[in-house]
Amino acid sequence: MALPAPEEAKIYTSVYNNFKGVDFTNDPTQVYKRRSPSALNMIPDDGGIPYKRTGWRVEYNPLNEIDEKEITDMWAFDYADESHILYVKNGSVYNGLGDNTKALITMKNKECDVVGIFFNAISGGAFYILADNELMEYTYSDNDGNKTFYFKDIQPYVPTTIIGREASGGGKVYENANLLTRKRKESFLGDSKSLEYYTTLPILKNSEIVKIKNESGEYDTLERVSDYTVDNALGKIIFKTVKPPVLAGEDNIIIEYSTSNVSTAAEQLKKCSVASVYNNKVFLSGAGGIYKSYVWYSAYENANYFPDLNYFVVGDDFTSVMGLIDLGEYLGVIKEADPESSTIFLAYSLTFDETSAYAVKQSITGIGALSKKSFNSLNGEQLFLSEDGIYGISAQMGSDDSYLASTAVMNRSYFINKKLLKEENLFKSVSVVWRGFYILCINSHCYILDSSQKNSWATERSNLQYECYYWENVPATAFCVHDDALWFGTADGKICKFKDVDKYGNEAFNDDGMPIESQWTTIMDNDGVTHYFKNLQKKGCLVTVQSMDRSIANTSAEVYIKADENAPVYIGAIASEEADVPQDFYLKKKIKKYKRMQIIVKNDLLNESFGIQEIVKLYTLGNYSKNRISNDIETYTLIVDRDSNLFVSGHDVDSLILEYDDKTGHLYYYEDE
């Protein structure tokens, strides 16, 4: 009697598509199937499909070894109908590239912080540099249409500090002293008796300008010696003749002078390393010493005037201010991390006129900033790097119009934290926002948050997460975005730019002539049944490579399979020609008795693009799984042929597997299906 034919094993299917970003934090076996535990140099297109990133090229090489210094800051902006890139290297600020490169400023202290300030409150906009105890403005001269750009020392506003002052003193405070200059004006009410007029502070030698009002109401400048003499130490102007007012009760003498007194606050203001523009005022902080917690602010729409009383103190004196950010109604002040002190504060205006003062309230404790150059705004959310990852601050309001501090500062980088936080020298990290991506770079590694892909993540420290991506071989020490292209400077003084496919075609896919290694991997997938061995089917398994734009002719992919603890096995490659439809690569590989499997798709060829759309895996279930033997255990396949002969073979025939454990001395066997 013939035996019934055995039933065919049920075939199961796992489909990997609608890909998200990377997940470096969870175990590779626990990652969500749409994410990759080890994707490299990929970035999503508008539909979310991961593509190999474009490469960069060197736009400027240092002229000699002396010029091979780290680029520490970069800025790009439009001014006077032209586009500009400025960068800082070895204590100098440069503009231009190649033969047009020119050092506009050279600092005495080459290690000083350099702060760039865009102040659009001024008509036409303005760009300032605060460095080496100087505030300078970027400007130009025009010679018959030929513009020459340069930095000039600003002309600080000279305030009239006292009005209605009598010869011997007194008067009314009118404007506060300007921390940017020692100059001030004092307005006096002359009389018919006094010859000696005293200023409030000593007068710096040869700094005074003395004016007197004439009968037409205009001021005439007097001459030293012929009209008056000066006692600098006493702050005294001695007139040759009395100076009664033209109109009774009206000031008629102005003494403008520079004081010989030195203001410590003024010195520290010019050492600030953090700047922001908020409510049409410039805010500065990040000074040293006892001024670590001071925040100074300019007059309304006037970056040339920092009144000496325009400041507030934030928190304790032991932690420095690391960043100033615009939070709508509030100015956020972020300090260094300190588990015992408040680290995030909210400054708000007490009044709503141009001379408003500011108060500060405590917001968050413990979450402080790690890098001053990590601050950037992504879709209205302010991001920065802390010791626990990248955090976001949003200006969220409660029902009573109060600020919801407890829910406003949230971690946004869960999926990359495990890898990111192991990087060395995180305080040196730099960031930029480009085409909707927040990019943080350290040690030539880029950690990327995608503003277009968010997912809910309700935990104590997060209410949402951005999808994340990871790049290597981007040696950026400073970033800027210029004409919609991403530029960066390097530690050896180069200026580089990322390439666009529209301009470079396939040649966009190299890093200054070198191939870009890219890959996408599935998770180490147990398909929900670790307790069963699985068998990968030879038919039906495939990898779908995304179709390319016709301007990109070259694209290919290599496919590897990693089963359990074994090394990845090369399966094959696909080269996609110009096509309007995706290209499918069939694996055609049978793999038996695995518990977990990962499929790896790579491209590391020069001038080739690469996009991954879908991966399909077909498998059957086998026997219950068990522990694998160690490397010290030898495995034999023993076969009994039709004549009952027993021999060892590696052929795939009906056989028994015998396993000898030299630690226990036991011999195990099972069927080789």
Foldseek 3Di string as FASTA:
>chain_A
DDDDDDDDFDKDKDKAFPAFEEFCQDALAPDDQRHFNDFAQWDADPSGFTWRFFAKAFQADQPDQVQFFFWFAWEWDDAPNDIWIWTAGQQFIWTDGDPPIDTQDHAPDSPAAWDWDWQPLDVRTWIWIQTNLFIWTWDWDADPNDIDIHIDGDDFDAEAQFEAAEQVGDGDGDAFGFLNFQKYKYWYAFAQDDQKRADPAFFDPPFKWKWFADLVRDIDTDDDPVAWHDDRHRRMIGGPGTHHHNDPPHTTMMMMGGHPDDDPVSSQQSRFNEWDADQQKIKTFCGDDQRQFKIWIAFHVHPSGTGPPRIDGDWHSPWHFQYWDDQDQWIWTAIAFDQVTAGIKTWHWPDPDRPTHIDIDGFGHGWGALASQLWDAFPQWTWGQTLQGIWTFHQDADPVRHGPSQAGIAHAQNSCRVPVNVAPPLRQWHWDAAPRWIWIDDPQKIKIFHNVAKDADDDSRHGIYGGIYMYGRRQFSYWYATPRWIWGTHRRGTIMTQDDCVPQPLQSQAHNQFWGKTKGKGRQHQVPCLQWFKKWDLPDWKWWWAADDLSHAWAKKWKWKDFDPDDTDTQGMDIDGHDPGIDIDRRRDIDTGGRTMMMMIIDGDRSHMTTTGMTMIMIGTDHTHDDDADPVKDKWWWDQDPVRDIDTDPDPDWTKIWIADPVVRDIDIDTDD
